[in-house]
Amino acid sequence: MGDPLIGAPYMLDSLVPVLVGGTLLSGGRGGLVGTFAGVLILTVLGNSLNLLEVSGYWQWVVQGAIIIIAVAFFVKQRT
């Protein structure tokens, strides 16, 4: 029997690099290079926070702040 919620914790880890890379969730804009850059940036950030012994809670807070900043940047750029 499978658990349909097993991948729920990984949803944020898959969306943040895409948003940081410049892909719009509404579609129509984005690319592989930007997404790859977003993955690299967030991997380095995550490893740095682990080396600094930052708790998992604050790592999620940092990822949430990055999402808010990325969305705000693209909304401001669009208007």
PDB file of N, CA and C in Angstrom:
ATOM      1  N   MET A   1       0.850  -1.149   0.000  1.00  0.00           N
ATOM      2  CA  MET A   1       0.000   0.000   0.000  1.00  0.00           C
ATOM      3  C   MET A   1       0.912   1.233   0.000  1.00  0.00           C
ATOM      4  N   GLY A   2       0.594   2.202  -0.826  1.00  0.00           N
ATOM      5  CA  GLY A   2       1.368   3.437  -0.900  1.00  0.00           C
ATOM      6  C   GLY A   2       0.714   4.551  -0.106  1.00  0.00           C
ATOM      7  N   ASP A   3       1.517   5.494   0.286  1.00  0.00           N
ATOM      8  CA  ASP A   3       1.033   6.653   1.014  1.00  0.00           C
ATOM      9  C   ASP A   3       1.028   7.849   0.069  1.00  0.00           C
ATOM     10  N   PRO A   4      -0.131   8.438  -0.219  1.00  0.00           N
ATOM     11  CA  PRO A   4      -0.186   9.537  -1.178  1.00  0.00           C
ATOM     12  C   PRO A   4       0.460  10.827  -0.668  1.00  0.00           C
ATOM     13  N   LEU A   5       0.734  10.918   0.603  1.00  0.00           N
ATOM     14  CA  LEU A   5       1.312  12.133   1.172  1.00  0.00           C
ATOM     15  C   LEU A   5       2.809  12.009   1.433  1.00  0.00           C
ATOM     16  N   ILE A   6       3.439  10.960   0.933  1.00  0.00           N
ATOM     17  CA  ILE A   6       4.849  10.725   1.236  1.00  0.00           C
ATOM     18  C   ILE A   6       5.750  11.813   0.653  1.00  0.00           C
ATOM     19  N   GLY A   7       5.350  12.422  -0.461  1.00  0.00           N
ATOM     20  CA  GLY A   7       6.199  13.420  -1.098  1.00  0.00           C
ATOM     21  C   GLY A   7       5.874  14.853  -0.712  1.00  0.00           C
ATOM     22  N   ALA A   8       4.936  15.056   0.202  1.00  0.00           N
ATOM     23  CA  ALA A   8       4.522  16.405   0.580  1.00  0.00           C
ATOM     24  C   ALA A   8       5.677  17.280   1.085  1.00  0.00           C
ATOM     25  N   PRO A   9       6.616  16.757   1.875  1.00  0.00           N
ATOM     26  CA  PRO A   9       7.708  17.618   2.339  1.00  0.00           C
ATOM     27  C   PRO A   9       8.637  18.095   1.213  1.00  0.00           C
ATOM     28  N   TYR A  10       8.607  17.407   0.084  1.00  0.00           N
ATOM     29  CA  TYR A  10       9.501  17.769  -1.014  1.00  0.00           C
ATOM     30  C   TYR A  10       8.892  18.773  -1.984  1.00  0.00           C
ATOM     31  N   MET A  11       7.647  19.153  -1.775  1.00  0.00           N
ATOM     32  CA  MET A  11       6.997  20.090  -2.677  1.00  0.00           C
ATOM     33  C   MET A  11       7.689  21.450  -2.652  1.00  0.00           C
ATOM     34  N   LEU A  12       8.015  21.935  -1.477  1.00  0.00           N
ATOM     35  CA  LEU A  12       8.697  23.219  -1.366  1.00  0.00           C
ATOM     36  C   LEU A  12      10.087  23.148  -1.989  1.00  0.00           C
ATOM     37  N   ASP A  13      10.770  22.031  -1.801  1.00  0.00           N
ATOM     38  CA  ASP A  13      12.108  21.875  -2.373  1.00  0.00           C
ATOM     39  C   ASP A  13      12.083  21.840  -3.888  1.00  0.00           C
ATOM     40  N   SER A  14      10.972  21.484  -4.483  1.00  0.00           N
ATOM     41  CA  SER A  14      10.897  21.453  -5.939  1.00  0.00           C
ATOM     42  C   SER A  14      10.396  22.771  -6.521  1.00  0.00           C
ATOM     43  N   LEU A  15       9.631  23.536  -5.780  1.00  0.00           N
ATOM     44  CA  LEU A  15       9.102  24.797  -6.291  1.00  0.00           C
ATOM     45  C   LEU A  15      10.072  25.960  -6.151  1.00  0.00           C
ATOM     46  N   VAL A  16      10.815  26.018  -5.072  1.00  0.00           N
ATOM     47  CA  VAL A  16      11.695  27.158  -4.817  1.00  0.00           C
ATOM     48  C   VAL A  16      12.759  27.322  -5.905  1.00  0.00           C
ATOM     49  N   PRO A  17      13.487  26.287  -6.324  1.00  0.00           N
ATOM     50  CA  PRO A  17      14.478  26.503  -7.378  1.00  0.00           C
ATOM     51  C   PRO A  17      13.873  26.969  -8.700  1.00  0.00           C
ATOM     52  N   VAL A  18      12.680  26.501  -8.992  1.00  0.00           N
ATOM     53  CA  VAL A  18      12.012  26.909 -10.226  1.00  0.00           C
ATOM     54  C   VAL A  18      11.667  28.395 -10.166  1.00  0.00           C
ATOM     55  N   LEU A  19      11.150  28.849  -9.028  1.00  0.00           N
ATOM     56  CA  LEU A  19      10.817  30.264  -8.881  1.00  0.00           C
ATOM     57  C   LEU A  19      12.056  31.147  -8.877  1.00  0.00           C
ATOM     58  N   VAL A  20      13.096  30.719  -8.183  1.00  0.00           N
ATOM     59  CA  VAL A  20      14.335  31.492  -8.135  1.00  0.00           C
ATOM     60  C   VAL A  20      14.969  31.554  -9.520  1.00  0.00           C
ATOM     61  N   GLY A  21      14.805  30.493 -10.299  1.00  0.00           N
ATOM     62  CA  GLY A  21      15.363  30.449 -11.643  1.00  0.00           C
ATOM     63  C   GLY A  21      14.627  31.307 -12.652  1.00  0.00           C
ATOM     64  N   GLY A  22      13.496  31.867 -12.283  1.00  0.00           N
ATOM     65  CA  GLY A  22      12.801  32.793 -13.169  1.00  0.00           C
ATOM     66  C   GLY A  22      11.605  32.216 -13.893  1.00  0.00           C
ATOM     67  N   THR A  23      11.219  30.992 -13.599  1.00  0.00           N
ATOM     68  CA  THR A  23      10.062  30.403 -14.248  1.00  0.00           C
ATOM     69  C   THR A  23       8.801  30.889 -13.552  1.00  0.00           C
ATOM     70  N   LEU A  24       7.845  31.363 -14.348  1.00  0.00           N
ATOM     71  CA  LEU A  24       6.587  31.816 -13.793  1.00  0.00           C
ATOM     72  C   LEU A  24       5.658  30.625 -13.606  1.00  0.00           C
ATOM     73  N   LEU A  25       4.985  30.552 -12.483  1.00  0.00           N
ATOM     74  CA  LEU A  25       4.059  29.454 -12.237  1.00  0.00           C
ATOM     75  C   LEU A  25       2.821  29.569 -13.104  1.00  0.00           C
ATOM     76  N   SER A  26       2.541  30.760 -13.615  1.00  0.00           N
ATOM     77  CA  SER A  26       1.397  30.933 -14.507  1.00  0.00           C
ATOM     78  C   SER A  26       1.713  30.467 -15.922  1.00  0.00           C
ATOM     79  N   GLY A  27       2.980  30.176 -16.184  1.00  0.00           N
ATOM     80  CA  GLY A  27       3.381  29.651 -17.488  1.00  0.00           C
ATOM     81  C   GLY A  27       3.834  30.728 -18.448  1.00  0.00           C
ATOM     82  N   GLY A  28       4.412  30.279 -19.538  1.00  0.00           N
ATOM     83  CA  GLY A  28       4.777  31.204 -20.599  1.00  0.00           C
ATOM     84  C   GLY A  28       6.192  31.738 -20.553  1.00  0.00           C
ATOM     85  N   ARG A  29       6.896  31.545 -19.461  1.00  0.00           N
ATOM     86  CA  ARG A  29       8.244  32.092 -19.365  1.00  0.00           C
ATOM     87  C   ARG A  29       9.075  31.243 -18.414  1.00  0.00           C
ATOM     88  N   GLY A  30      10.315  31.027 -18.781  1.00  0.00           N
ATOM     89  CA  GLY A  30      11.206  30.245 -17.937  1.00  0.00           C
ATOM     90  C   GLY A  30      12.106  29.388 -18.793  1.00  0.00           C
ATOM     91  N   GLY A  31      13.024  28.706 -18.154  1.00  0.00           N
ATOM     92  CA  GLY A  31      13.921  27.871 -18.926  1.00  0.00           C
ATOM     93  C   GLY A  31      14.755  26.959 -18.051  1.00  0.00           C
ATOM     94  N   LEU A  32      15.459  26.088 -18.727  1.00  0.00           N
ATOM     95  CA  LEU A  32      16.274  25.093 -18.052  1.00  0.00           C
ATOM     96  C   LEU A  32      17.474  25.715 -17.355  1.00  0.00           C
ATOM     97  N   VAL A  33      18.111  26.687 -17.993  1.00  0.00           N
ATOM     98  CA  VAL A  33      19.318  27.300 -17.425  1.00  0.00           C
ATOM     99  C   VAL A  33      18.996  28.038 -16.130  1.00  0.00           C
ATOM    100  N   GLY A  34      17.900  28.791 -16.126  1.00  0.00           N
ATOM    101  CA  GLY A  34      17.502  29.504 -14.911  1.00  0.00           C
ATOM    102  C   GLY A  34      17.138  28.567 -13.782  1.00  0.00           C
ATOM    103  N   THR A  35      16.435  27.487 -14.109  1.00  0.00           N
ATOM    104  CA  THR A  35      16.076  26.504 -13.090  1.00  0.00           C
ATOM    105  C   THR A  35      17.317  25.828 -12.529  1.00  0.00           C
ATOM    106  N   PHE A  36      18.270  25.508 -13.397  1.00  0.00           N
ATOM    107  CA  PHE A  36      19.521  24.896 -12.931  1.00  0.00           C
ATOM    108  C   PHE A  36      20.280  25.854 -12.016  1.00  0.00           C
ATOM    109  N   ALA A  37      20.302  27.144 -12.374  1.00  0.00           N
ATOM    110  CA  ALA A  37      20.951  28.139 -11.513  1.00  0.00           C
ATOM    111  C   ALA A  37      20.243  28.229 -10.165  1.00  0.00           C
ATOM    112  N   GLY A  38      18.913  28.164 -10.173  1.00  0.00           N
ATOM    113  CA  GLY A  38      18.155  28.180  -8.923  1.00  0.00           C
ATOM    114  C   GLY A  38      18.469  26.981  -8.053  1.00  0.00           C
ATOM    115  N   VAL A  39      18.620  25.812  -8.674  1.00  0.00           N
ATOM    116  CA  VAL A  39      18.981  24.607  -7.918  1.00  0.00           C
ATOM    117  C   VAL A  39      20.354  24.772  -7.285  1.00  0.00           C
ATOM    118  N   LEU A  40      21.317  25.284  -8.050  1.00  0.00           N
ATOM    119  CA  LEU A  40      22.666  25.488  -7.508  1.00  0.00           C
ATOM    120  C   LEU A  40      22.675  26.484  -6.356  1.00  0.00           C
ATOM    121  N   ILE A  41      21.969  27.583  -6.520  1.00  0.00           N
ATOM    122  CA  ILE A  41      21.919  28.612  -5.471  1.00  0.00           C
ATOM    123  C   ILE A  41      21.328  28.039  -4.188  1.00  0.00           C
ATOM    124  N   LEU A  42      20.217  27.336  -4.317  1.00  0.00           N
ATOM    125  CA  LEU A  42      19.559  26.815  -3.117  1.00  0.00           C
ATOM    126  C   LEU A  42      20.307  25.648  -2.498  1.00  0.00           C
ATOM    127  N   THR A  43      21.018  24.880  -3.299  1.00  0.00           N
ATOM    128  CA  THR A  43      21.834  23.806  -2.740  1.00  0.00           C
ATOM    129  C   THR A  43      22.983  24.364  -1.921  1.00  0.00           C
ATOM    130  N   VAL A  44      23.641  25.383  -2.452  1.00  0.00           N
ATOM    131  CA  VAL A  44      24.733  26.024  -1.714  1.00  0.00           C
ATOM    132  C   VAL A  44      24.195  26.671  -0.439  1.00  0.00           C
ATOM    133  N   LEU A  45      23.044  27.329  -0.539  1.00  0.00           N
ATOM    134  CA  LEU A  45      22.442  27.958   0.649  1.00  0.00           C
ATOM    135  C   LEU A  45      22.078  26.913   1.700  1.00  0.00           C
ATOM    136  N   GLY A  46      21.454  25.810   1.269  1.00  0.00           N
ATOM    137  CA  GLY A  46      21.084  24.749   2.210  1.00  0.00           C
ATOM    138  C   GLY A  46      22.290  24.120   2.873  1.00  0.00           C
ATOM    139  N   ASN A  47      23.335  23.851   2.090  1.00  0.00           N
ATOM    140  CA  ASN A  47      24.549  23.280   2.680  1.00  0.00           C
ATOM    141  C   ASN A  47      25.217  24.254   3.643  1.00  0.00           C
ATOM    142  N   SER A  48      25.212  25.527   3.305  1.00  0.00           N
ATOM    143  CA  SER A  48      25.805  26.531   4.193  1.00  0.00           C
ATOM    144  C   SER A  48      25.046  26.607   5.515  1.00  0.00           C
ATOM    145  N   LEU A  49      23.711  26.581   5.433  1.00  0.00           N
ATOM    146  CA  LEU A  49      22.920  26.624   6.664  1.00  0.00           C
ATOM    147  C   LEU A  49      23.137  25.376   7.505  1.00  0.00           C
ATOM    148  N   ASN A  50      23.318  24.224   6.855  1.00  0.00           N
ATOM    149  CA  ASN A  50      23.613  23.000   7.612  1.00  0.00           C
ATOM    150  C   ASN A  50      24.976  23.084   8.291  1.00  0.00           C
ATOM    151  N   LEU A  51      25.965  23.618   7.591  1.00  0.00           N
ATOM    152  CA  LEU A  51      27.295  23.753   8.189  1.00  0.00           C
ATOM    153  C   LEU A  51      27.303  24.741   9.348  1.00  0.00           C
ATOM    154  N   LEU A  52      26.416  25.743   9.277  1.00  0.00           N
ATOM    155  CA  LEU A  52      26.294  26.706  10.372  1.00  0.00           C
ATOM    156  C   LEU A  52      25.393  26.193  11.490  1.00  0.00           C
ATOM    157  N   GLU A  53      24.908  24.963  11.352  1.00  0.00           N
ATOM    158  CA  GLU A  53      24.052  24.301  12.331  1.00  0.00           C
ATOM    159  C   GLU A  53      22.756  25.067  12.607  1.00  0.00           C
ATOM    160  N   VAL A  54      22.159  25.595  11.539  1.00  0.00           N
ATOM    161  CA  VAL A  54      20.864  26.265  11.641  1.00  0.00           C
ATOM    162  C   VAL A  54      19.792  25.172  11.677  1.00  0.00           C
ATOM    163  N   SER A  55      18.795  25.343  12.528  1.00  0.00           N
ATOM    164  CA  SER A  55      17.761  24.317  12.670  1.00  0.00           C
ATOM    165  C   SER A  55      16.917  24.222  11.400  1.00  0.00           C
ATOM    166  N   GLY A  56      16.272  23.088  11.236  1.00  0.00           N
ATOM    167  CA  GLY A  56      15.440  22.852  10.065  1.00  0.00           C
ATOM    168  C   GLY A  56      14.297  23.833   9.946  1.00  0.00           C
ATOM    169  N   TYR A  57      13.756  24.264  11.083  1.00  0.00           N
ATOM    170  CA  TYR A  57      12.671  25.247  11.071  1.00  0.00           C
ATOM    171  C   TYR A  57      13.113  26.535  10.396  1.00  0.00           C
ATOM    172  N   TRP A  58      14.273  27.045  10.769  1.00  0.00           N
ATOM    173  CA  TRP A  58      14.744  28.299  10.199  1.00  0.00           C
ATOM    174  C   TRP A  58      15.162  28.146   8.743  1.00  0.00           C
ATOM    175  N   GLN A  59      15.559  26.953   8.346  1.00  0.00           N
ATOM    176  CA  GLN A  59      15.856  26.716   6.936  1.00  0.00           C
ATOM    177  C   GLN A  59      14.575  26.823   6.105  1.00  0.00           C
ATOM    178  N   TRP A  60      13.452  26.317   6.638  1.00  0.00           N
ATOM    179  CA  TRP A  60      12.172  26.467   5.947  1.00  0.00           C
ATOM    180  C   TRP A  60      11.755  27.931   5.895  1.00  0.00           C
ATOM    181  N   VAL A  61      12.031  28.678   6.960  1.00  0.00           N
ATOM    182  CA  VAL A  61      11.700  30.103   6.980  1.00  0.00           C
ATOM    183  C   VAL A  61      12.499  30.835   5.912  1.00  0.00           C
ATOM    184  N   VAL A  62      13.773  30.509   5.775  1.00  0.00           N
ATOM    185  CA  VAL A  62      14.612  31.136   4.751  1.00  0.00           C
ATOM    186  C   VAL A  62      14.081  30.798   3.363  1.00  0.00           C
ATOM    187  N   GLN A  63      13.697  29.558   3.117  1.00  0.00           N
ATOM    188  CA  GLN A  63      13.149  29.182   1.817  1.00  0.00           C
ATOM    189  C   GLN A  63      11.840  29.915   1.541  1.00  0.00           C
ATOM    190  N   GLY A  64      11.009  30.077   2.549  1.00  0.00           N
ATOM    191  CA  GLY A  64       9.768  30.832   2.384  1.00  0.00           C
ATOM    192  C   GLY A  64      10.030  32.288   2.059  1.00  0.00           C
ATOM    193  N   ALA A  65      11.023  32.871   2.722  1.00  0.00           N
ATOM    194  CA  ALA A  65      11.381  34.261   2.434  1.00  0.00           C
ATOM    195  C   ALA A  65      11.906  34.400   1.008  1.00  0.00           C
ATOM    196  N   ILE A  66      12.664  33.429   0.543  1.00  0.00           N
ATOM    197  CA  ILE A  66      13.170  33.466  -0.824  1.00  0.00           C
ATOM    198  C   ILE A  66      12.018  33.398  -1.818  1.00  0.00           C
ATOM    199  N   ILE A  67      11.004  32.590  -1.541  1.00  0.00           N
ATOM    200  CA  ILE A  67       9.832  32.529  -2.420  1.00  0.00           C
ATOM    201  C   ILE A  67       9.131  33.880  -2.473  1.00  0.00           C
ATOM    202  N   ILE A  68       8.931  34.488  -1.318  1.00  0.00           N
ATOM    203  CA  ILE A  68       8.246  35.786  -1.270  1.00  0.00           C
ATOM    204  C   ILE A  68       9.036  36.832  -2.042  1.00  0.00           C
ATOM    205  N   ILE A  69      10.345  36.852  -1.882  1.00  0.00           N
ATOM    206  CA  ILE A  69      11.185  37.820  -2.593  1.00  0.00           C
ATOM    207  C   ILE A  69      11.141  37.575  -4.099  1.00  0.00           C
ATOM    208  N   ALA A  70      11.214  36.310  -4.518  1.00  0.00           N
ATOM    209  CA  ALA A  70      11.190  35.995  -5.950  1.00  0.00           C
ATOM    210  C   ALA A  70       9.857  36.384  -6.578  1.00  0.00           C
ATOM    211  N   VAL A  71       8.758  36.068  -5.911  1.00  0.00           N
ATOM    212  CA  VAL A  71       7.439  36.418  -6.441  1.00  0.00           C
ATOM    213  C   VAL A  71       7.262  37.926  -6.483  1.00  0.00           C
ATOM    214  N   ALA A  72       7.690  38.621  -5.436  1.00  0.00           N
ATOM    215  CA  ALA A  72       7.573  40.080  -5.414  1.00  0.00           C
ATOM    216  C   ALA A  72       8.411  40.716  -6.523  1.00  0.00           C
ATOM    217  N   PHE A  73       9.590  40.173  -6.779  1.00  0.00           N
ATOM    218  CA  PHE A  73      10.449  40.697  -7.838  1.00  0.00           C
ATOM    219  C   PHE A  73       9.789  40.547  -9.206  1.00  0.00           C
ATOM    220  N   PHE A  74       9.199  39.389  -9.475  1.00  0.00           N
ATOM    221  CA  PHE A  74       8.599  39.160 -10.783  1.00  0.00           C
ATOM    222  C   PHE A  74       7.292  39.914 -10.944  1.00  0.00           C
ATOM    223  N   VAL A  75       6.544  40.120  -9.861  1.00  0.00           N
ATOM    224  CA  VAL A  75       5.331  40.907  -9.945  1.00  0.00           C
ATOM    225  C   VAL A  75       5.670  42.369 -10.218  1.00  0.00           C
ATOM    226  N   LYS A  76       6.706  42.869  -9.547  1.00  0.00           N
ATOM    227  CA  LYS A  76       7.119  44.267  -9.760  1.00  0.00           C
ATOM    228  C   LYS A  76       7.669  44.441 -11.166  1.00  0.00           C
ATOM    229  N   GLN A  77       8.412  43.464 -11.658  1.00  0.00           N
ATOM    230  CA  GLN A  77       8.982  43.536 -13.006  1.00  0.00           C
ATOM    231  C   GLN A  77       7.896  43.467 -14.069  1.00  0.00           C
ATOM    232  N   ARG A  78       6.830  42.761 -13.796  1.00  0.00           N
ATOM    233  CA  ARG A  78       5.744  42.594 -14.755  1.00  0.00           C
ATOM    234  C   ARG A  78       4.899  43.847 -14.889  1.00  0.00           C
ATOM    235  N   THR A  79       4.779  44.639 -13.828  1.00  0.00           N
ATOM    236  CA  THR A  79       3.944  45.848 -13.883  1.00  0.00           C
ATOM    237  C   THR A  79       4.725  47.044 -14.325  1.00  0.00           C
TER     238      THR A  79
END
